[in-house]
Amino acid sequence: LWNVERHALAELPNASSPPERLSRYRRLGWRL
């Protein structure tokens, strides 16, 4: 799940990364 989220965020331009996705990615990483 964390890896899928990481690749999905990498495909988005930096300016258009939604804060909810970044928060979910960080939370998944800390949970892992």
Full PDB file with SEQRES, HELIX, SHEET, SSBOND, CRYST1, ORIGX, SCALE, CONECT and MASTER records, all heavy atoms in Angstrom:
SEQRES   1 A   32  LEU TRP ASN VAL GLU ARG HIS ALA LEU ALA GLU LEU PRO          
SEQRES   2 A   32  ASN ALA SER SER PRO PRO GLU ARG LEU SER ARG TYR ARG          
SEQRES   3 A   32  ARG LEU GLY TRP ARG LEU                                      
HELIX    1 AA1 TRP A    2  GLU A   11  1                                  10    
HELIX    2 AA2 ASN A   14  SER A   16  5                                   3    
HELIX    3 AA3 PRO A   19  ARG A   31  1                                  13    
CRYST1    1.000    1.000    1.000  90.00  90.00  90.00 P 1           1          
ORIGX1      1.000000  0.000000  0.000000        0.00000                         
ORIGX2      0.000000  1.000000  0.000000        0.00000                         
ORIGX3      0.000000  0.000000  1.000000        0.00000                         
SCALE1      1.000000  0.000000  0.000000        0.00000                         
SCALE2      0.000000  1.000000  0.000000        0.00000                         
SCALE3      0.000000  0.000000  1.000000        0.00000                         
ATOM      1  N   LEU A   1       0.832  -1.208   0.000  1.00  0.00           N  
ATOM      2  CA  LEU A   1       0.000   0.000   0.000  1.00  0.00           C  
ATOM      3  C   LEU A   1       0.867   1.258   0.000  1.00  0.00           C  
ATOM      4  O   LEU A   1       0.594   2.213  -0.733  1.00  0.00           O  
ATOM      5  CB  LEU A   1      -0.901   0.013   1.237  1.00  0.00           C  
ATOM      6  CG  LEU A   1      -2.090  -0.921   1.248  1.00  0.00           C  
ATOM      7  CD1 LEU A   1      -2.751  -0.908   2.621  1.00  0.00           C  
ATOM      8  CD2 LEU A   1      -3.083  -0.538   0.179  1.00  0.00           C  
ATOM      9  N   TRP A   2       1.903   1.269   0.830  1.00  0.00           N  
ATOM     10  CA  TRP A   2       2.797   2.411   0.914  1.00  0.00           C  
ATOM     11  C   TRP A   2       3.514   2.620  -0.416  1.00  0.00           C  
ATOM     12  O   TRP A   2       3.669   3.747  -0.886  1.00  0.00           O  
ATOM     13  CB  TRP A   2       3.804   2.186   2.047  1.00  0.00           C  
ATOM     14  CG  TRP A   2       4.793   3.288   2.192  1.00  0.00           C  
ATOM     15  CD1 TRP A   2       4.596   4.498   2.773  1.00  0.00           C  
ATOM     16  CD2 TRP A   2       6.148   3.271   1.742  1.00  0.00           C  
ATOM     17  NE1 TRP A   2       5.754   5.239   2.722  1.00  0.00           N  
ATOM     18  CE2 TRP A   2       6.716   4.507   2.086  1.00  0.00           C  
ATOM     19  CE3 TRP A   2       6.931   2.328   1.077  1.00  0.00           C  
ATOM     20  CZ2 TRP A   2       8.031   4.818   1.794  1.00  0.00           C  
ATOM     21  CZ3 TRP A   2       8.237   2.641   0.792  1.00  0.00           C  
ATOM     22  CH2 TRP A   2       8.769   3.878   1.148  1.00  0.00           C  
ATOM     23  N   ASN A   3       3.949   1.544  -1.045  1.00  0.00           N  
ATOM     24  CA  ASN A   3       4.669   1.633  -2.315  1.00  0.00           C  
ATOM     25  C   ASN A   3       3.755   2.138  -3.432  1.00  0.00           C  
ATOM     26  O   ASN A   3       4.177   2.951  -4.265  1.00  0.00           O  
ATOM     27  CB  ASN A   3       5.256   0.266  -2.669  1.00  0.00           C  
ATOM     28  CG  ASN A   3       6.470   0.383  -3.538  1.00  0.00           C  
ATOM     29  OD1 ASN A   3       7.091   1.421  -3.626  1.00  0.00           O  
ATOM     30  ND2 ASN A   3       6.805  -0.714  -4.187  1.00  0.00           N  
ATOM     31  N   VAL A   4       2.521   1.682  -3.469  1.00  0.00           N  
ATOM     32  CA  VAL A   4       1.563   2.161  -4.473  1.00  0.00           C  
ATOM     33  C   VAL A   4       1.337   3.653  -4.296  1.00  0.00           C  
ATOM     34  O   VAL A   4       1.320   4.417  -5.277  1.00  0.00           O  
ATOM     35  CB  VAL A   4       0.226   1.380  -4.367  1.00  0.00           C  
ATOM     36  CG1 VAL A   4      -0.890   2.073  -5.111  1.00  0.00           C  
ATOM     37  CG2 VAL A   4       0.406  -0.038  -4.865  1.00  0.00           C  
ATOM     38  N   GLU A   5       1.169   4.082  -3.057  1.00  0.00           N  
ATOM     39  CA  GLU A   5       0.958   5.505  -2.787  1.00  0.00           C  
ATOM     40  C   GLU A   5       2.194   6.321  -3.173  1.00  0.00           C  
ATOM     41  O   GLU A   5       2.087   7.411  -3.715  1.00  0.00           O  
ATOM     42  CB  GLU A   5       0.635   5.693  -1.300  1.00  0.00           C  
ATOM     43  CG  GLU A   5       0.081   7.032  -0.962  1.00  0.00           C  
ATOM     44  CD  GLU A   5      -1.306   7.283  -1.508  1.00  0.00           C  
ATOM     45  OE1 GLU A   5      -2.067   6.324  -1.718  1.00  0.00           O  
ATOM     46  OE2 GLU A   5      -1.631   8.457  -1.742  1.00  0.00           O  
ATOM     47  N   ARG A   6       3.374   5.775  -2.914  1.00  0.00           N  
ATOM     48  CA  ARG A   6       4.619   6.468  -3.261  1.00  0.00           C  
ATOM     49  C   ARG A   6       4.731   6.656  -4.772  1.00  0.00           C  
ATOM     50  O   ARG A   6       5.066   7.738  -5.255  1.00  0.00           O  
ATOM     51  CB  ARG A   6       5.814   5.678  -2.743  1.00  0.00           C  
ATOM     52  CG  ARG A   6       7.147   6.323  -3.019  1.00  0.00           C  
ATOM     53  CD  ARG A   6       8.254   5.573  -2.326  1.00  0.00           C  
ATOM     54  NE  ARG A   6       8.360   4.217  -2.828  1.00  0.00           N  
ATOM     55  CZ  ARG A   6       9.372   3.754  -3.537  1.00  0.00           C  
ATOM     56  NH1 ARG A   6      10.386   4.537  -3.809  1.00  0.00           N  
ATOM     57  NH2 ARG A   6       9.398   2.513  -3.953  1.00  0.00           N  
ATOM     58  N   HIS A   7       4.428   5.608  -5.531  1.00  0.00           N  
ATOM     59  CA  HIS A   7       4.497   5.720  -6.997  1.00  0.00           C  
ATOM     60  C   HIS A   7       3.417   6.649  -7.542  1.00  0.00           C  
ATOM     61  O   HIS A   7       3.657   7.378  -8.507  1.00  0.00           O  
ATOM     62  CB  HIS A   7       4.396   4.340  -7.645  1.00  0.00           C  
ATOM     63  CG  HIS A   7       5.627   3.507  -7.465  1.00  0.00           C  
ATOM     64  ND1 HIS A   7       6.872   3.912  -7.878  1.00  0.00           N  
ATOM     65  CD2 HIS A   7       5.802   2.289  -6.906  1.00  0.00           C  
ATOM     66  CE1 HIS A   7       7.766   2.990  -7.594  1.00  0.00           C  
ATOM     67  NE2 HIS A   7       7.139   1.985  -6.985  1.00  0.00           N  
ATOM     68  N   ALA A   8       2.245   6.628  -6.935  1.00  0.00           N  
ATOM     69  CA  ALA A   8       1.181   7.532  -7.377  1.00  0.00           C  
ATOM     70  C   ALA A   8       1.566   8.988  -7.126  1.00  0.00           C  
ATOM     71  O   ALA A   8       1.305   9.860  -7.966  1.00  0.00           O  
ATOM     72  CB  ALA A   8      -0.118   7.192  -6.661  1.00  0.00           C  
ATOM     73  N   LEU A   9       2.201   9.252  -5.991  1.00  0.00           N  
ATOM     74  CA  LEU A   9       2.630  10.624  -5.704  1.00  0.00           C  
ATOM     75  C   LEU A   9       3.787  11.048  -6.607  1.00  0.00           C  
ATOM     76  O   LEU A   9       3.900  12.226  -6.962  1.00  0.00           O  
ATOM     77  CB  LEU A   9       3.043  10.760  -4.247  1.00  0.00           C  
ATOM     78  CG  LEU A   9       1.904  10.854  -3.241  1.00  0.00           C  
ATOM     79  CD1 LEU A   9       2.437  10.786  -1.824  1.00  0.00           C  
ATOM     80  CD2 LEU A   9       1.106  12.120  -3.448  1.00  0.00           C  
ATOM     81  N   ALA A  10       4.640  10.106  -6.977  1.00  0.00           N  
ATOM     82  CA  ALA A  10       5.781  10.442  -7.837  1.00  0.00           C  
ATOM     83  C   ALA A  10       5.325  10.834  -9.236  1.00  0.00           C  
ATOM     84  O   ALA A  10       5.985  11.629  -9.907  1.00  0.00           O  
ATOM     85  CB  ALA A  10       6.740   9.270  -7.908  1.00  0.00           C  
ATOM     86  N   GLU A  11       4.193  10.294  -9.670  1.00  0.00           N  
ATOM     87  CA  GLU A  11       3.695  10.597 -11.013  1.00  0.00           C  
ATOM     88  C   GLU A  11       3.020  11.963 -11.079  1.00  0.00           C  
ATOM     89  O   GLU A  11       2.859  12.521 -12.163  1.00  0.00           O  
ATOM     90  CB  GLU A  11       2.722   9.514 -11.460  1.00  0.00           C  
ATOM     91  CG  GLU A  11       3.412   8.180 -11.705  1.00  0.00           C  
ATOM     92  CD  GLU A  11       2.437   7.071 -12.046  1.00  0.00           C  
ATOM     93  OE1 GLU A  11       1.222   7.333 -12.102  1.00  0.00           O  
ATOM     94  OE2 GLU A  11       2.908   5.943 -12.248  1.00  0.00           O  
ATOM     95  N   LEU A  12       2.617  12.501  -9.937  1.00  0.00           N  
ATOM     96  CA  LEU A  12       1.973  13.808  -9.921  1.00  0.00           C  
ATOM     97  C   LEU A  12       3.027  14.907  -9.897  1.00  0.00           C  
ATOM     98  O   LEU A  12       4.078  14.745  -9.289  1.00  0.00           O  
ATOM     99  CB  LEU A  12       1.092  13.955  -8.670  1.00  0.00           C  
ATOM    100  CG  LEU A  12      -0.135  13.066  -8.584  1.00  0.00           C  
ATOM    101  CD1 LEU A  12      -0.774  13.244  -7.205  1.00  0.00           C  
ATOM    102  CD2 LEU A  12      -1.121  13.403  -9.662  1.00  0.00           C  
ATOM    103  N   PRO A  13       2.748  16.024 -10.538  1.00  0.00           N  
ATOM    104  CA  PRO A  13       3.658  17.163 -10.389  1.00  0.00           C  
ATOM    105  C   PRO A  13       3.653  17.642  -8.935  1.00  0.00           C  
ATOM    106  O   PRO A  13       2.653  17.503  -8.237  1.00  0.00           O  
ATOM    107  CB  PRO A  13       3.076  18.231 -11.307  1.00  0.00           C  
ATOM    108  CG  PRO A  13       2.008  17.586 -12.101  1.00  0.00           C  
ATOM    109  CD  PRO A  13       1.666  16.284 -11.462  1.00  0.00           C  
ATOM    110  N   ASN A  14       4.755  18.197  -8.485  1.00  0.00           N  
ATOM    111  CA  ASN A  14       4.884  18.597  -7.081  1.00  0.00           C  
ATOM    112  C   ASN A  14       3.817  19.599  -6.656  1.00  0.00           C  
ATOM    113  O   ASN A  14       3.334  19.555  -5.532  1.00  0.00           O  
ATOM    114  CB  ASN A  14       6.264  19.194  -6.814  1.00  0.00           C  
ATOM    115  CG  ASN A  14       7.326  18.118  -6.796  1.00  0.00           C  
ATOM    116  OD1 ASN A  14       7.025  16.954  -6.610  1.00  0.00           O  
ATOM    117  ND2 ASN A  14       8.567  18.523  -6.998  1.00  0.00           N  
ATOM    118  N   ALA A  15       3.485  20.514  -7.525  1.00  0.00           N  
ATOM    119  CA  ALA A  15       2.516  21.545  -7.158  1.00  0.00           C  
ATOM    120  C   ALA A  15       1.109  20.988  -7.014  1.00  0.00           C  
ATOM    121  O   ALA A  15       0.289  21.562  -6.312  1.00  0.00           O  
ATOM    122  CB  ALA A  15       2.531  22.653  -8.200  1.00  0.00           C  
ATOM    123  N   SER A  16       0.804  19.872  -7.693  1.00  0.00           N  
ATOM    124  CA  SER A  16      -0.571  19.374  -7.668  1.00  0.00           C  
ATOM    125  C   SER A  16      -0.765  18.198  -6.710  1.00  0.00           C  
ATOM    126  O   SER A  16      -1.796  17.556  -6.748  1.00  0.00           O  
ATOM    127  CB  SER A  16      -0.994  18.946  -9.082  1.00  0.00           C  
ATOM    128  OG  SER A  16      -0.261  17.804  -9.468  1.00  0.00           O  
ATOM    129  N   SER A  17       0.201  17.913  -5.852  1.00  0.00           N  
ATOM    130  CA  SER A  17       0.030  16.830  -4.885  1.00  0.00           C  
ATOM    131  C   SER A  17      -0.962  17.268  -3.814  1.00  0.00           C  
ATOM    132  O   SER A  17      -0.707  18.214  -3.078  1.00  0.00           O  
ATOM    133  CB  SER A  17       1.357  16.480  -4.208  1.00  0.00           C  
ATOM    134  OG  SER A  17       2.258  15.988  -5.153  1.00  0.00           O  
ATOM    135  N   PRO A  18      -2.095  16.589  -3.747  1.00  0.00           N  
ATOM    136  CA  PRO A  18      -3.084  16.980  -2.732  1.00  0.00           C  
ATOM    137  C   PRO A  18      -2.561  16.704  -1.324  1.00  0.00           C  
ATOM    138  O   PRO A  18      -1.913  15.690  -1.086  1.00  0.00           O  
ATOM    139  CB  PRO A  18      -4.293  16.107  -3.040  1.00  0.00           C  
ATOM    140  CG  PRO A  18      -3.952  15.273  -4.208  1.00  0.00           C  
ATOM    141  CD  PRO A  18      -2.536  15.495  -4.574  1.00  0.00           C  
ATOM    142  N   PRO A  19      -2.841  17.604  -0.403  1.00  0.00           N  
ATOM    143  CA  PRO A  19      -2.355  17.423   0.971  1.00  0.00           C  
ATOM    144  C   PRO A  19      -2.885  16.146   1.620  1.00  0.00           C  
ATOM    145  O   PRO A  19      -2.212  15.537   2.442  1.00  0.00           O  
ATOM    146  CB  PRO A  19      -2.859  18.651   1.715  1.00  0.00           C  
ATOM    147  CG  PRO A  19      -3.346  19.594   0.699  1.00  0.00           C  
ATOM    148  CD  PRO A  19      -3.541  18.869  -0.576  1.00  0.00           C  
ATOM    149  N   GLU A  20      -4.098  15.715   1.241  1.00  0.00           N  
ATOM    150  CA  GLU A  20      -4.654  14.498   1.822  1.00  0.00           C  
ATOM    151  C   GLU A  20      -3.814  13.278   1.436  1.00  0.00           C  
ATOM    152  O   GLU A  20      -3.590  12.386   2.240  1.00  0.00           O  
ATOM    153  CB  GLU A  20      -6.100  14.263   1.354  1.00  0.00           C  
ATOM    154  CG  GLU A  20      -7.052  15.398   1.612  1.00  0.00           C  
ATOM    155  CD  GLU A  20      -7.044  16.422   0.478  1.00  0.00           C  
ATOM    156  OE1 GLU A  20      -6.907  16.051  -0.700  1.00  0.00           O  
ATOM    157  OE2 GLU A  20      -7.150  17.609   0.806  1.00  0.00           O  
ATOM    158  N   ARG A  21      -3.358  13.266   0.196  1.00  0.00           N  
ATOM    159  CA  ARG A  21      -2.530  12.129  -0.257  1.00  0.00           C  
ATOM    160  C   ARG A  21      -1.172  12.135   0.417  1.00  0.00           C  
ATOM    161  O   ARG A  21      -0.654  11.082   0.779  1.00  0.00           O  
ATOM    162  CB  ARG A  21      -2.349  12.172  -1.770  1.00  0.00           C  
ATOM    163  CG  ARG A  21      -3.599  11.681  -2.479  1.00  0.00           C  
ATOM    164  CD  ARG A  21      -3.302  11.395  -3.877  1.00  0.00           C  
ATOM    165  NE  ARG A  21      -2.872  10.007  -4.006  1.00  0.00           N  
ATOM    166  CZ  ARG A  21      -2.938   9.361  -5.140  1.00  0.00           C  
ATOM    167  NH1 ARG A  21      -3.404   9.961  -6.196  1.00  0.00           N  
ATOM    168  NH2 ARG A  21      -2.536   8.131  -5.218  1.00  0.00           N  
ATOM    169  N   LEU A  22      -0.596  13.319   0.563  1.00  0.00           N  
ATOM    170  CA  LEU A  22       0.691  13.400   1.261  1.00  0.00           C  
ATOM    171  C   LEU A  22       0.545  12.952   2.717  1.00  0.00           C  
ATOM    172  O   LEU A  22       1.392  12.232   3.244  1.00  0.00           O  
ATOM    173  CB  LEU A  22       1.234  14.828   1.210  1.00  0.00           C  
ATOM    174  CG  LEU A  22       1.791  15.276  -0.140  1.00  0.00           C  
ATOM    175  CD1 LEU A  22       2.120  16.763  -0.105  1.00  0.00           C  
ATOM    176  CD2 LEU A  22       3.021  14.475  -0.487  1.00  0.00           C  
ATOM    177  N   SER A  23      -0.544  13.352   3.343  1.00  0.00           N  
ATOM    178  CA  SER A  23      -0.792  12.959   4.723  1.00  0.00           C  
ATOM    179  C   SER A  23      -0.987  11.446   4.828  1.00  0.00           C  
ATOM    180  O   SER A  23      -0.447  10.804   5.742  1.00  0.00           O  
ATOM    181  CB  SER A  23      -2.026  13.683   5.248  1.00  0.00           C  
ATOM    182  OG  SER A  23      -2.381  13.209   6.506  1.00  0.00           O  
ATOM    183  N   ARG A  24      -1.729  10.877   3.899  1.00  0.00           N  
ATOM    184  CA  ARG A  24      -1.958   9.427   3.903  1.00  0.00           C  
ATOM    185  C   ARG A  24      -0.644   8.679   3.668  1.00  0.00           C  
ATOM    186  O   ARG A  24      -0.361   7.677   4.328  1.00  0.00           O  
ATOM    187  CB  ARG A  24      -2.958   9.055   2.807  1.00  0.00           C  
ATOM    188  CG  ARG A  24      -3.260   7.583   2.763  1.00  0.00           C  
ATOM    189  CD  ARG A  24      -4.422   7.294   1.817  1.00  0.00           C  
ATOM    190  NE  ARG A  24      -4.789   5.910   1.938  1.00  0.00           N  
ATOM    191  CZ  ARG A  24      -4.497   4.987   1.040  1.00  0.00           C  
ATOM    192  NH1 ARG A  24      -3.855   5.310  -0.062  1.00  0.00           N  
ATOM    193  NH2 ARG A  24      -4.859   3.736   1.218  1.00  0.00           N  
ATOM    194  N   TYR A  25       0.172   9.191   2.761  1.00  0.00           N  
ATOM    195  CA  TYR A  25       1.463   8.572   2.477  1.00  0.00           C  
ATOM    196  C   TYR A  25       2.364   8.586   3.718  1.00  0.00           C  
ATOM    197  O   TYR A  25       2.966   7.575   4.071  1.00  0.00           O  
ATOM    198  CB  TYR A  25       2.121   9.322   1.316  1.00  0.00           C  
ATOM    199  CG  TYR A  25       3.551   8.938   1.044  1.00  0.00           C  
ATOM    200  CD1 TYR A  25       3.848   7.690   0.518  1.00  0.00           C  
ATOM    201  CD2 TYR A  25       4.590   9.810   1.321  1.00  0.00           C  
ATOM    202  CE1 TYR A  25       5.160   7.328   0.269  1.00  0.00           C  
ATOM    203  CE2 TYR A  25       5.893   9.458   1.071  1.00  0.00           C  
ATOM    204  CZ  TYR A  25       6.180   8.221   0.545  1.00  0.00           C  
ATOM    205  OH  TYR A  25       7.482   7.860   0.300  1.00  0.00           O  
ATOM    206  N   ARG A  26       2.430   9.724   4.389  1.00  0.00           N  
ATOM    207  CA  ARG A  26       3.251   9.822   5.611  1.00  0.00           C  
ATOM    208  C   ARG A  26       2.723   8.907   6.713  1.00  0.00           C  
ATOM    209  O   ARG A  26       3.484   8.247   7.399  1.00  0.00           O  
ATOM    210  CB  ARG A  26       3.279  11.265   6.100  1.00  0.00           C  
ATOM    211  CG  ARG A  26       4.150  12.145   5.261  1.00  0.00           C  
ATOM    212  CD  ARG A  26       4.325  13.513   5.920  1.00  0.00           C  
ATOM    213  NE  ARG A  26       4.832  14.434   4.943  1.00  0.00           N  
ATOM    214  CZ  ARG A  26       4.118  15.408   4.374  1.00  0.00           C  
ATOM    215  NH1 ARG A  26       2.878  15.588   4.722  1.00  0.00           N  
ATOM    216  NH2 ARG A  26       4.656  16.188   3.478  1.00  0.00           N  
ATOM    217  N   ARG A  27       1.391   8.891   6.865  1.00  0.00           N  
ATOM    218  CA  ARG A  27       0.795   8.046   7.902  1.00  0.00           C  
ATOM    219  C   ARG A  27       1.059   6.573   7.622  1.00  0.00           C  
ATOM    220  O   ARG A  27       1.378   5.797   8.535  1.00  0.00           O  
ATOM    221  CB  ARG A  27      -0.699   8.331   8.013  1.00  0.00           C  
ATOM    222  CG  ARG A  27      -1.317   7.717   9.243  1.00  0.00           C  
ATOM    223  CD  ARG A  27      -2.742   8.173   9.509  1.00  0.00           C  
ATOM    224  NE  ARG A  27      -3.626   7.897   8.399  1.00  0.00           N  
ATOM    225  CZ  ARG A  27      -4.294   8.832   7.718  1.00  0.00           C  
ATOM    226  NH1 ARG A  27      -4.160  10.098   8.020  1.00  0.00           N  
ATOM    227  NH2 ARG A  27      -5.096   8.507   6.732  1.00  0.00           N  
ATOM    228  N   LEU A  28       0.949   6.167   6.358  1.00  0.00           N  
ATOM    229  CA  LEU A  28       1.263   4.775   5.996  1.00  0.00           C  
ATOM    230  C   LEU A  28       2.725   4.449   6.279  1.00  0.00           C  
ATOM    231  O   LEU A  28       3.039   3.357   6.769  1.00  0.00           O  
ATOM    232  CB  LEU A  28       0.961   4.517   4.514  1.00  0.00           C  
ATOM    233  CG  LEU A  28      -0.473   4.238   4.143  1.00  0.00           C  
ATOM    234  CD1 LEU A  28      -0.625   4.212   2.622  1.00  0.00           C  
ATOM    235  CD2 LEU A  28      -0.946   2.937   4.734  1.00  0.00           C  
ATOM    236  N   GLY A  29       3.611   5.389   5.996  1.00  0.00           N  
ATOM    237  CA  GLY A  29       5.027   5.164   6.252  1.00  0.00           C  
ATOM    238  C   GLY A  29       5.328   5.017   7.729  1.00  0.00           C  
ATOM    239  O   GLY A  29       6.058   4.111   8.140  1.00  0.00           O  
ATOM    240  N   TRP A  30       4.750   5.885   8.551  1.00  0.00           N  
ATOM    241  CA  TRP A  30       4.963   5.784   9.998  1.00  0.00           C  
ATOM    242  C   TRP A  30       4.332   4.519  10.561  1.00  0.00           C  
ATOM    243  O   TRP A  30       4.868   3.895  11.479  1.00  0.00           O  
ATOM    244  CB  TRP A  30       4.419   7.018  10.709  1.00  0.00           C  
ATOM    245  CG  TRP A  30       5.351   8.181  10.614  1.00  0.00           C  
ATOM    246  CD1 TRP A  30       5.164   9.323   9.903  1.00  0.00           C  
ATOM    247  CD2 TRP A  30       6.628   8.297  11.234  1.00  0.00           C  
ATOM    248  NE1 TRP A  30       6.248  10.145  10.040  1.00  0.00           N  
ATOM    249  CE2 TRP A  30       7.164   9.539  10.859  1.00  0.00           C  
ATOM    250  CE3 TRP A  30       7.378   7.471  12.068  1.00  0.00           C  
ATOM    251  CZ2 TRP A  30       8.409   9.975  11.296  1.00  0.00           C  
ATOM    252  CZ3 TRP A  30       8.611   7.911  12.505  1.00  0.00           C  
ATOM    253  CH2 TRP A  30       9.110   9.152  12.118  1.00  0.00           C  
ATOM    254  N   ARG A  31       3.175   4.160  10.024  1.00  0.00           N  
ATOM    255  CA  ARG A  31       2.515   2.925  10.468  1.00  0.00           C  
ATOM    256  C   ARG A  31       3.371   1.711  10.133  1.00  0.00           C  
ATOM    257  O   ARG A  31       3.554   0.822  10.965  1.00  0.00           O  
ATOM    258  CB  ARG A  31       1.148   2.831   9.798  1.00  0.00           C  
ATOM    259  CG  ARG A  31       0.269   1.777  10.355  1.00  0.00           C  
ATOM    260  CD  ARG A  31      -1.117   1.945   9.784  1.00  0.00           C  
ATOM    261  NE  ARG A  31      -1.566   0.675   9.283  1.00  0.00           N  
ATOM    262  CZ  ARG A  31      -2.498   0.504   8.388  1.00  0.00           C  
ATOM    263  NH1 ARG A  31      -3.100   1.547   7.854  1.00  0.00           N  
ATOM    264  NH2 ARG A  31      -2.856  -0.687   8.008  1.00  0.00           N  
ATOM    265  N   LEU A  32       3.914   1.691   8.932  1.00  0.00           N  
ATOM    266  CA  LEU A  32       4.792   0.596   8.514  1.00  0.00           C  
ATOM    267  C   LEU A  32       6.028   0.530   9.406  1.00  0.00           C  
ATOM    268  O   LEU A  32       6.412  -0.546   9.875  1.00  0.00           O  
ATOM    269  CB  LEU A  32       5.187   0.779   7.048  1.00  0.00           C  
ATOM    270  CG  LEU A  32       6.165  -0.230   6.458  1.00  0.00           C  
ATOM    271  CD1 LEU A  32       5.574  -1.631   6.476  1.00  0.00           C  
ATOM    272  CD2 LEU A  32       6.537   0.174   5.039  1.00  0.00           C  
TER     273      LEU A  32                                                      
MASTER        0    0    0    3    0    0    0    6  272    1    0    3          
END                                                                             
